[in-house]
């Protein structure tokens, strides 16, 4: 039985030394190197018992060699010097024969990064399989005591990421992350939640478990109501799934080329974007904020570009779009990188407070199987699942059969009436929201 373990990923000094060695061996005109050394652990459980307990160590070096506007990337998962040298030569050989890149941009010069240290929790990085199993056992015992069937995962990730190039660019980050996903089922009722934190101690696992069990029991014997447009309160985890589609589509090139909900075309066919227009509710405030207290993510993107705090939407008005290095050069802008990790401003009110102020409406616990209907307008379809409820006179009245929805997401953000406290899901921090109008198109058999 393993009582404790030592992390197997490289140290910061080892990582930077390896990247420096690769750059010195290069015979190309330019070279970019990225390194990832990661250890992940997963405990899976179902039917109130643990079913899987595994750990995986991953190491990868990616090497991109440049000759003029030609480049090629080769990678290895082996750490020995011979394998790395062979990877360097392979990337150089391939680069000499690739076509020139019409959107080529030169190597990124050294960057200035935010002066902060990403979150790394040693106890999380070294959490033993036994300790994970004990945590899962407590969850299963709570389920057994309440007469529900519990399933889910507890996962731990930790490691090093580093980048460097022949112009002197250098960046490194060491991080940890813990995630708990849990589903409770009883008869025809179910509930689910998911939460992420930088350290295992920051995950309120017992609180999440109790809430999900309560909701599963409450969701039994759902009633059917007519599909239509209703006021809706989304739990934070349900809203996060929809908000991500907005963030993914805040791309400057797509907007400028007429392929986005952020595109505008005038009577003469000229295309522009909708920056600085009042598109959403004034309650919608979005910031790319890797330094947020619930995140504390790395200070750079995978290409080495600085990932600093950036105001994306202020009081419902988009402030900027995501510019790649190529599109920024074409438009005379500064490159931004992507819009993740995203933080939406919340309030000091709970989801229960939002429910208490709602005369009639629907509570959605999970947005599931969301897919595009029209990428240009950002209309999506999906289903509710794992606990959908009718709200009446400020209280949860009874469970509802699940719906399929068809909704234009920019209109959803336009109709936001209230927000709750924030929670972290993956690499984003999101509140629950109340939306005054949301379109449910049909009843579904999803549970």
Protein backbone atom coordinates (compact mmCIF):
# COMPACT_ATOMS: atom_id res chain seq x y z
CA UNK A 1 0.00 0.00 0.00
CA UNK A 2 1.36 3.43 -0.97
CA UNK A 3 1.19 5.86 1.92
CA UNK A 4 2.97 8.76 0.23
CA UNK A 5 4.66 9.55 -3.05
CA UNK A 6 7.23 11.85 -4.52
CA UNK A 7 6.39 13.92 -7.60
CA UNK A 8 8.24 12.75 -10.71
CA UNK A 9 8.15 15.85 -12.88
CA UNK A 10 11.28 17.89 -13.59
CA UNK A 11 12.43 20.78 -11.45
CA UNK A 12 12.50 24.35 -12.77
CA UNK A 13 16.31 24.31 -13.08
CA UNK A 14 16.28 21.00 -14.94
CA UNK A 15 13.60 22.25 -17.34
CA UNK A 16 15.35 25.51 -18.20
CA UNK A 17 18.69 23.73 -18.54
CA UNK A 18 17.19 21.23 -20.95
CA UNK A 19 15.64 23.95 -23.12
CA UNK A 20 18.95 25.85 -23.17
CA UNK A 21 20.75 22.66 -24.26
CA UNK A 22 18.30 22.11 -27.13
CA UNK A 23 18.74 25.69 -28.36
CA UNK A 24 22.53 25.36 -28.32
CA UNK A 25 22.38 22.16 -30.40
CA UNK A 26 20.18 23.73 -33.07
CA UNK A 27 21.54 24.26 -36.59
CA UNK A 28 18.42 26.09 -37.80
CA UNK A 29 18.07 29.85 -38.37
CA UNK A 30 15.73 29.94 -35.39
CA UNK A 31 14.30 27.50 -32.87
CA UNK A 32 11.41 27.42 -30.40
CA UNK A 33 11.21 24.82 -27.63
CA UNK A 34 8.35 23.94 -25.32
CA UNK A 35 8.55 21.45 -22.47
CA UNK A 36 5.88 19.86 -20.33
CA UNK A 37 6.52 17.54 -17.41
CA UNK A 38 3.31 16.51 -15.73
CA UNK A 39 1.97 14.00 -13.25
CA UNK A 40 -1.76 13.29 -13.11
CA UNK A 41 -3.70 11.06 -10.74
CA UNK A 42 -7.30 9.91 -10.95
CA UNK A 43 -9.63 8.11 -8.58
CA UNK A 44 -12.89 7.02 -10.17
CA UNK A 45 -15.91 5.68 -8.31
CA UNK A 46 -19.34 4.31 -9.23
CA UNK A 47 -22.21 2.59 -7.42
CA UNK A 48 -20.80 3.91 -4.14
CA UNK A 49 -17.43 2.20 -4.47
CA UNK A 50 -14.05 3.10 -5.90
CA UNK A 51 -13.41 1.48 -9.28
CA UNK A 52 -10.12 2.99 -10.47
CA UNK A 53 -7.05 4.56 -8.87
CA UNK A 54 -4.30 5.47 -11.33
CA UNK A 55 -1.36 7.84 -11.77
CA UNK A 56 0.33 8.88 -15.02
CA UNK A 57 3.62 10.65 -15.64
CA UNK A 58 4.00 12.55 -18.91
CA UNK A 59 7.02 14.24 -20.38
CA UNK A 60 7.15 15.95 -23.77
CA UNK A 61 9.51 18.27 -25.57
CA UNK A 62 8.31 19.98 -28.76
CA UNK A 63 10.92 21.54 -31.02
CA UNK A 64 10.11 23.89 -33.89
CA UNK A 65 12.92 24.73 -36.30
CA UNK A 66 12.80 27.73 -38.66
CA UNK A 67 14.48 28.41 -41.99
CA UNK A 68 13.14 31.69 -43.33
CA UNK A 69 9.35 31.31 -43.58
CA UNK A 70 9.57 27.53 -43.41
CA UNK A 71 9.14 25.66 -40.15
CA UNK A 72 8.37 22.22 -38.79
CA UNK A 73 7.73 20.78 -35.36
CA UNK A 74 8.88 17.46 -33.96
CA UNK A 75 8.30 16.06 -30.49
CA UNK A 76 9.63 13.39 -28.16
CA UNK A 77 8.47 11.87 -24.91
CA UNK A 78 11.93 10.53 -24.10
CA UNK A 79 14.32 12.39 -21.83
CA UNK A 80 17.65 10.89 -22.89
CA UNK A 81 20.07 13.07 -24.87
CA UNK A 82 20.11 10.85 -27.96
CA UNK A 83 16.34 11.01 -28.39
CA UNK A 84 16.32 14.79 -27.95
CA UNK A 85 19.15 15.29 -30.44
CA UNK A 86 17.34 13.07 -32.96
CA UNK A 87 14.18 15.19 -32.46
CA UNK A 88 16.13 18.40 -33.14
CA UNK A 89 17.57 16.98 -36.38
CA UNK A 90 14.16 15.65 -37.47
CA UNK A 91 12.50 19.06 -37.03
CA UNK A 92 15.33 20.70 -39.02
CA UNK A 93 15.12 18.18 -41.85
CA UNK A 94 11.35 18.54 -42.13
CA UNK A 95 11.50 22.34 -42.01
CA UNK A 96 13.74 22.50 -45.08
CA UNK A 97 11.08 20.83 -47.23
CA UNK A 98 7.87 22.40 -45.98
CA UNK A 99 6.13 25.14 -48.03
CA UNK A 100 6.57 28.73 -46.92
CA UNK A 101 3.92 29.87 -44.46
CA UNK A 102 1.90 32.78 -45.99
CA UNK A 103 0.99 33.89 -42.45
CA UNK A 104 4.47 33.53 -41.04
CA UNK A 105 5.50 35.69 -38.11
CA UNK A 106 9.00 35.75 -36.73
CA UNK A 107 10.14 34.32 -33.44
CA UNK A 108 8.73 36.05 -30.39
CA UNK A 109 11.28 38.31 -28.68
CA UNK A 110 11.74 38.16 -24.89
CA UNK A 111 8.54 39.15 -23.05
CA UNK A 112 7.77 40.94 -19.80
CA UNK A 113 5.59 38.80 -17.55
CA UNK A 114 3.48 39.64 -14.51
CA UNK A 115 5.44 39.53 -11.28
CA UNK A 116 3.57 36.74 -9.50
CA UNK A 117 3.99 33.06 -8.74
CA UNK A 118 1.38 30.60 -10.08
CA UNK A 119 -0.31 28.34 -7.55
CA UNK A 120 1.63 25.23 -6.59
CA UNK A 121 0.56 23.21 -3.56
CA UNK A 122 3.07 20.59 -2.48
CA UNK A 123 0.49 18.59 -0.50
CA UNK A 124 -1.67 18.36 -3.62
CA UNK A 125 1.26 17.37 -5.85
CA UNK A 126 2.25 14.59 -3.45
CA UNK A 127 -1.24 13.39 -2.52
CA UNK A 128 -1.05 9.61 -2.16
CA UNK A 129 -3.42 7.06 -3.74
CA UNK A 130 -4.41 6.06 -0.21
CA UNK A 131 -5.47 9.61 0.68
CA UNK A 132 -7.46 9.97 -2.54
CA UNK A 133 -9.13 6.66 -1.79
CA UNK A 134 -10.03 7.81 1.71
CA UNK A 135 -11.62 10.98 0.33
CA UNK A 136 -13.64 8.96 -2.17
CA UNK A 137 -14.67 6.53 0.59
CA UNK A 138 -16.17 9.40 2.61
CA UNK A 139 -18.18 10.49 -0.44
CA UNK A 140 -19.42 6.94 -1.01
CA UNK A 141 -20.35 6.56 2.65
CA UNK A 142 -22.40 9.78 2.52
CA UNK A 143 -24.21 8.44 -0.55
CA UNK A 144 -24.85 5.07 1.07
CA UNK A 145 -26.19 6.70 4.22
CA UNK A 146 -28.65 8.79 2.21
CA UNK A 147 -29.75 5.93 -0.05
CA UNK A 148 -28.40 7.36 -3.31
CA UNK A 149 -26.00 5.93 -5.87
CA UNK A 150 -22.88 8.06 -6.24
CA UNK A 151 -20.33 8.16 -9.02
CA UNK A 152 -17.64 10.56 -10.17
CA UNK A 153 -13.95 11.38 -10.20
CA UNK A 154 -11.31 13.01 -8.03
CA UNK A 155 -8.31 14.08 -10.08
CA UNK A 156 -4.99 15.76 -9.32
CA UNK A 157 -2.65 17.39 -11.82
CA UNK A 158 0.71 18.98 -11.22
CA UNK A 159 3.73 19.82 -13.27
CA UNK A 160 6.11 22.13 -15.04
CA UNK A 161 5.64 24.04 -18.30
CA UNK A 162 8.49 25.97 -19.89
CA UNK A 163 9.22 27.65 -23.22
CA UNK A 164 12.28 29.24 -24.79
CA UNK A 165 13.67 30.29 -28.16
CA UNK A 166 16.88 31.37 -29.86
CA UNK A 167 16.06 35.08 -29.42
CA UNK A 168 16.28 34.76 -25.65
CA UNK A 169 12.60 34.20 -24.80
CA UNK A 170 12.28 32.21 -21.60
CA UNK A 171 9.33 31.43 -19.33
CA UNK A 172 8.50 28.72 -16.83
CA UNK A 173 5.59 27.84 -14.56
CA UNK A 174 4.91 25.19 -11.91
CA UNK A 175 1.27 24.56 -11.05
CA UNK A 176 -1.13 22.17 -9.34
CA UNK A 177 -4.85 21.59 -9.87
CA UNK A 178 -7.48 19.44 -8.17
CA UNK A 179 -10.91 18.59 -9.60
CA UNK A 180 -13.97 16.88 -8.13
CA UNK A 181 -16.89 15.75 -10.30
CA UNK A 182 -19.85 14.03 -8.68
CA UNK A 183 -23.21 12.58 -9.77
CA UNK A 184 -25.89 11.27 -7.41
CA UNK A 185 -28.84 9.18 -8.63
CA UNK A 186 -31.92 7.86 -6.87
CA UNK A 187 -34.91 6.32 -8.70
CA UNK A 188 -35.71 8.76 -11.53
CA UNK A 189 -33.87 11.65 -9.86
CA UNK A 190 -30.28 12.80 -10.37
CA UNK A 191 -27.97 15.72 -9.70
CA UNK A 192 -24.40 16.64 -10.61
CA UNK A 193 -21.71 19.19 -9.89
CA UNK A 194 -18.09 19.85 -10.73
CA UNK A 195 -15.47 22.07 -9.09
CA UNK A 196 -11.80 22.92 -9.56
CA UNK A 197 -9.19 24.42 -7.23
CA UNK A 198 -5.45 24.94 -7.09
CA UNK A 199 -5.16 22.73 -4.00
CA UNK A 200 -7.07 19.72 -2.73
CA UNK A 201 -7.67 21.54 0.57
CA UNK A 202 -9.63 24.24 -1.30
CA UNK A 203 -12.20 21.79 -2.67
CA UNK A 204 -15.32 21.72 -0.42
CA UNK A 205 -15.92 18.07 -1.28
CA UNK A 206 -18.27 17.23 1.58
CA UNK A 207 -20.36 20.38 1.01
CA UNK A 208 -20.64 19.65 -2.72
CA UNK A 209 -21.57 16.04 -2.00
CA UNK A 210 -24.33 16.97 0.44
CA UNK A 211 -25.82 19.55 -1.94
CA UNK A 212 -25.81 17.17 -4.89
CA UNK A 213 -27.43 14.41 -2.83
CA UNK A 214 -30.14 16.81 -1.62
CA UNK A 215 -30.85 17.93 -5.19
CA UNK A 216 -30.98 14.34 -6.47
CA UNK A 217 -33.58 13.40 -3.86
CA UNK A 218 -35.55 16.57 -4.63
CA UNK A 219 -35.52 15.86 -8.38
CA UNK A 220 -37.58 12.65 -8.17
CA UNK A 221 -40.97 12.36 -9.90
CA UNK A 222 -40.53 15.35 -12.26
CA UNK A 223 -43.55 17.03 -13.78
CA UNK A 224 -43.96 18.11 -17.37
CA UNK A 225 -44.67 21.70 -18.42
CA UNK A 226 -45.08 23.17 -21.87
CA UNK A 227 -41.85 24.21 -23.65
CA UNK A 228 -41.48 27.93 -24.28
CA UNK A 229 -39.64 31.04 -23.18
CA UNK A 230 -39.15 31.30 -19.42
CA UNK A 231 -37.10 33.23 -16.88
CA UNK A 232 -34.20 30.96 -15.92
CA UNK A 233 -31.70 30.76 -13.10
CA UNK A 234 -28.53 28.90 -14.02
CA UNK A 235 -26.34 27.33 -11.40
CA UNK A 236 -22.75 28.55 -11.96
CA UNK A 237 -21.61 25.24 -13.44
CA UNK A 238 -24.56 25.25 -15.89
CA UNK A 239 -23.92 28.84 -16.96
CA UNK A 240 -20.20 28.19 -17.41
CA UNK A 241 -20.88 25.64 -20.14
CA UNK A 242 -22.79 28.26 -22.15
CA UNK A 243 -20.47 31.20 -21.44
CA UNK A 244 -17.50 29.28 -22.82
CA UNK A 245 -19.09 29.42 -26.29
CA UNK A 246 -19.15 33.22 -26.10
CA UNK A 247 -15.49 33.39 -25.06
CA UNK A 248 -14.34 30.95 -27.75
CA UNK A 249 -15.95 33.19 -30.36
CA UNK A 250 -14.42 36.51 -29.30
CA UNK A 251 -11.88 36.20 -32.10
CA UNK A 252 -10.83 39.32 -33.98
CA UNK A 253 -10.11 37.67 -37.31
CA UNK A 254 -13.46 35.87 -37.42
CA UNK A 255 -15.23 39.12 -36.59
CA UNK A 256 -13.30 41.16 -39.17
CA UNK A 257 -13.94 38.55 -41.87
CA UNK A 258 -17.69 38.40 -41.23
CA UNK A 259 -17.77 34.94 -39.64
CA UNK A 260 -18.74 35.83 -36.08
CA UNK A 261 -21.58 37.14 -33.95
CA UNK A 262 -19.19 40.06 -33.39
CA UNK A 263 -19.25 40.91 -37.13
CA UNK A 264 -21.12 43.87 -38.58
CA UNK A 265 -21.87 44.40 -42.29
CA UNK A 266 -23.13 47.77 -43.58
CA UNK A 267 -25.37 48.47 -46.60
CA UNK A 268 -22.34 48.54 -48.91
CA UNK A 269 -21.07 45.18 -47.76
CA UNK A 270 -18.24 46.56 -45.65
CA UNK A 271 -17.41 44.37 -42.68
CA UNK A 272 -16.42 45.66 -39.24
CA UNK A 273 -16.70 44.40 -35.68
CA UNK A 274 -18.94 45.36 -32.76
CA UNK A 275 -16.29 46.47 -30.28
CA UNK A 276 -17.53 49.24 -27.93
CA UNK A 277 -21.19 48.48 -28.64
CA UNK A 278 -23.72 47.73 -25.87
CA UNK A 279 -24.34 44.06 -26.70
CA UNK A 280 -24.97 42.57 -23.26
CA UNK A 281 -26.53 43.40 -19.92
CA UNK A 282 -24.56 45.93 -17.83
CA UNK A 283 -24.18 43.11 -15.30
CA UNK A 284 -21.87 41.25 -17.68
CA UNK A 285 -18.26 42.05 -16.78
CA UNK A 286 -15.61 39.71 -18.17
CA UNK A 287 -11.88 39.82 -17.57
CA UNK A 288 -9.08 37.57 -18.67
CA UNK A 289 -7.42 37.26 -15.29
CA UNK A 290 -4.92 34.42 -14.77
CA UNK A 291 -3.90 36.02 -11.47
CA UNK A 292 -7.38 35.81 -9.91
CA UNK A 293 -7.24 34.40 -6.38
CA UNK A 294 -9.20 31.28 -7.40
CA UNK A 295 -6.96 30.65 -10.42
CA UNK A 296 -3.34 31.81 -10.05
CA UNK A 297 -2.47 30.36 -13.46
CA UNK A 298 0.73 30.71 -15.46
CA UNK A 299 1.90 34.09 -16.76
CA UNK A 300 2.39 33.06 -20.40
CA UNK A 301 0.64 31.30 -23.28
CA UNK A 302 2.02 28.18 -24.94
CA UNK A 303 3.83 30.28 -27.55
CA UNK A 304 5.49 32.42 -24.85
CA UNK A 305 3.26 35.47 -25.33
CA UNK A 306 2.52 37.22 -22.03
CA UNK A 307 -0.83 36.28 -20.49
CA UNK A 308 -1.72 39.26 -18.37
CA UNK A 309 -4.95 40.71 -17.02
CA UNK A 310 -7.13 42.05 -19.85
CA UNK A 311 -10.55 43.71 -19.69
CA UNK A 312 -12.78 41.90 -22.18
CA UNK A 313 -16.33 43.12 -21.48
CA UNK A 314 -17.12 46.10 -19.23
CA UNK A 315 -20.71 46.78 -18.17
CA UNK A 316 -21.96 44.72 -21.13
CA UNK A 317 -19.73 46.47 -23.70
CA UNK A 318 -16.98 44.41 -25.42
CA UNK A 319 -13.63 46.15 -25.00
CA UNK A 320 -11.36 43.97 -27.12
CA UNK A 321 -11.16 40.79 -29.16
CA UNK A 322 -8.54 38.06 -29.26
CA UNK A 323 -5.73 38.93 -31.70
CA UNK A 324 -3.26 36.32 -32.84
CA UNK A 325 0.23 37.59 -33.65
CA UNK A 326 -0.49 37.38 -37.38
CA UNK A 327 -3.86 39.16 -37.27
CA UNK A 328 -2.53 41.80 -34.90
CA UNK A 329 0.23 42.57 -37.42
CA UNK A 330 -2.31 42.78 -40.26
CA UNK A 331 -4.54 45.19 -38.30
CA UNK A 332 -1.89 47.23 -36.55
CA UNK A 333 -2.90 45.94 -33.12
CA UNK A 334 -1.05 44.35 -30.23
CA UNK A 335 -1.41 40.56 -30.02
CA UNK A 336 -3.50 39.45 -27.07
CA UNK A 337 -3.45 35.67 -27.16
CA UNK A 338 -6.68 33.86 -26.25
CA UNK A 339 -9.30 35.08 -23.78
CA UNK A 340 -8.68 32.32 -21.24
CA UNK A 341 -8.67 32.04 -18.29
CA UNK A 342 -11.85 34.09 -18.07
CA UNK A 343 -13.38 35.60 -14.93
CA UNK A 344 -16.94 36.95 -14.82
CA UNK A 345 -17.74 39.34 -12.00
CA UNK A 346 -20.35 38.07 -9.55
CA UNK A 347 -21.95 39.38 -6.36
CA UNK A 348 -22.25 38.44 -2.70
CA UNK A 349 -25.62 36.74 -3.32
CA UNK A 350 -26.05 32.97 -3.50
CA UNK A 351 -28.09 31.07 -6.08
CA UNK A 352 -30.68 30.63 -3.32
CA UNK A 353 -30.91 34.43 -3.06
CA UNK A 354 -31.61 34.63 -6.79
CA UNK A 355 -34.33 32.00 -6.40
CA UNK A 356 -35.89 33.90 -3.49
CA UNK A 357 -36.35 36.98 -5.71
CA UNK A 358 -37.99 35.03 -8.55
CA UNK A 359 -41.78 34.85 -8.76
CA UNK A 360 -41.86 32.16 -11.46
CA UNK A 361 -39.13 30.55 -13.48
CA UNK A 362 -36.93 27.51 -14.05
CA UNK A 363 -33.74 26.46 -12.24
CA UNK A 364 -31.19 24.71 -14.45
CA UNK A 365 -28.49 22.65 -12.73
CA UNK A 366 -26.65 21.47 -15.82
CA UNK A 367 -26.33 22.44 -19.48
CA UNK A 368 -25.52 19.25 -21.34
CA UNK A 369 -24.48 18.25 -24.86
CA UNK A 370 -24.34 21.83 -26.09
CA UNK A 371 -23.71 22.13 -29.85
CA UNK A 372 -23.78 24.85 -32.49
CA UNK A 373 -26.91 25.48 -34.55
CA UNK A 374 -25.63 28.64 -36.26
CA UNK A 375 -22.03 29.65 -35.51
CA UNK A 376 -22.55 33.02 -37.21
CA UNK A 377 -25.28 34.10 -34.77
CA UNK A 378 -24.02 31.85 -31.97
CA UNK A 379 -27.29 29.99 -31.65
CA UNK A 380 -26.76 26.71 -29.82
CA UNK A 381 -28.83 23.72 -28.82
CA UNK A 382 -28.48 21.49 -25.79
CA UNK A 383 -30.35 19.84 -22.97
CA UNK A 384 -30.94 20.34 -19.28
CA UNK A 385 -29.95 17.44 -17.07
CA UNK A 386 -29.39 16.31 -13.48
CA UNK A 387 -31.96 18.47 -11.76
CA UNK A 388 -34.32 20.93 -13.43
CA UNK A 389 -36.86 22.65 -11.19
CA UNK A 390 -39.89 24.92 -11.30
CA UNK A 391 -39.59 28.04 -9.14
CA UNK A 392 -42.70 29.67 -7.72
CA UNK A 393 -43.02 32.49 -5.17
CA UNK A 394 -39.29 32.49 -4.47
CA UNK A 395 -39.01 28.76 -3.74
CA UNK A 396 -38.26 25.54 -5.57
CA UNK A 397 -41.77 24.15 -6.10
CA UNK A 398 -41.15 20.80 -7.83
CA UNK A 399 -38.82 19.06 -10.31
CA UNK A 400 -39.39 19.27 -14.05
CA UNK A 401 -38.83 16.91 -16.92
CA UNK A 402 -35.79 17.98 -18.87
CA UNK A 403 -35.86 20.30 -21.86
CA UNK A 404 -34.02 20.75 -25.11
CA UNK A 405 -33.15 24.38 -25.68
CA UNK A 406 -32.36 26.47 -28.76
CA UNK A 407 -30.89 29.78 -27.72
CA UNK A 408 -28.89 32.64 -29.23
CA UNK A 409 -26.21 33.14 -26.58
CA UNK A 410 -25.56 36.86 -27.16
CA UNK A 411 -29.27 37.41 -26.48
CA UNK A 412 -28.93 35.35 -23.30
CA UNK A 413 -26.17 37.68 -22.06
CA UNK A 414 -28.29 40.67 -23.06
CA UNK A 415 -31.07 39.36 -20.81
CA UNK A 416 -29.00 38.76 -17.66
CA UNK A 417 -30.91 40.27 -14.69
CA UNK A 418 -28.86 39.15 -11.69
CA UNK A 419 -25.66 37.30 -10.76
CA UNK A 420 -24.57 35.23 -7.77
CA UNK A 421 -21.24 34.46 -6.12
CA UNK A 422 -18.52 32.98 -8.32
CA UNK A 423 -17.08 29.48 -8.42
CA UNK A 424 -14.19 27.95 -10.36
CA UNK A 425 -14.67 25.39 -13.12
CA UNK A 426 -11.53 24.29 -14.93
CA UNK A 427 -9.64 27.47 -15.77
CA UNK A 428 -12.58 29.86 -15.46
CA UNK A 429 -14.38 31.64 -12.63
CA UNK A 430 -18.12 32.13 -13.21
CA UNK A 431 -21.22 33.15 -11.19
CA UNK A 432 -24.71 31.78 -11.40
CA UNK A 433 -27.06 34.06 -13.35
CA UNK A 434 -30.71 34.90 -13.71
CA UNK A 435 -31.87 35.42 -17.30
CA UNK A 436 -35.26 36.96 -17.98
CA UNK A 437 -35.93 34.98 -21.19
CA UNK A 438 -34.55 31.63 -22.32
CA UNK A 439 -35.98 29.42 -25.07
CA UNK A 440 -36.87 25.80 -24.33
CA UNK A 441 -37.92 24.14 -27.58
CA UNK A 442 -39.07 20.67 -26.49
CA UNK A 443 -39.22 18.04 -23.76
CA UNK A 444 -36.41 15.45 -23.68
CA UNK A 445 -35.95 12.09 -22.00
CA UNK A 446 -32.48 12.98 -20.72
CA UNK A 447 -31.97 12.36 -16.97
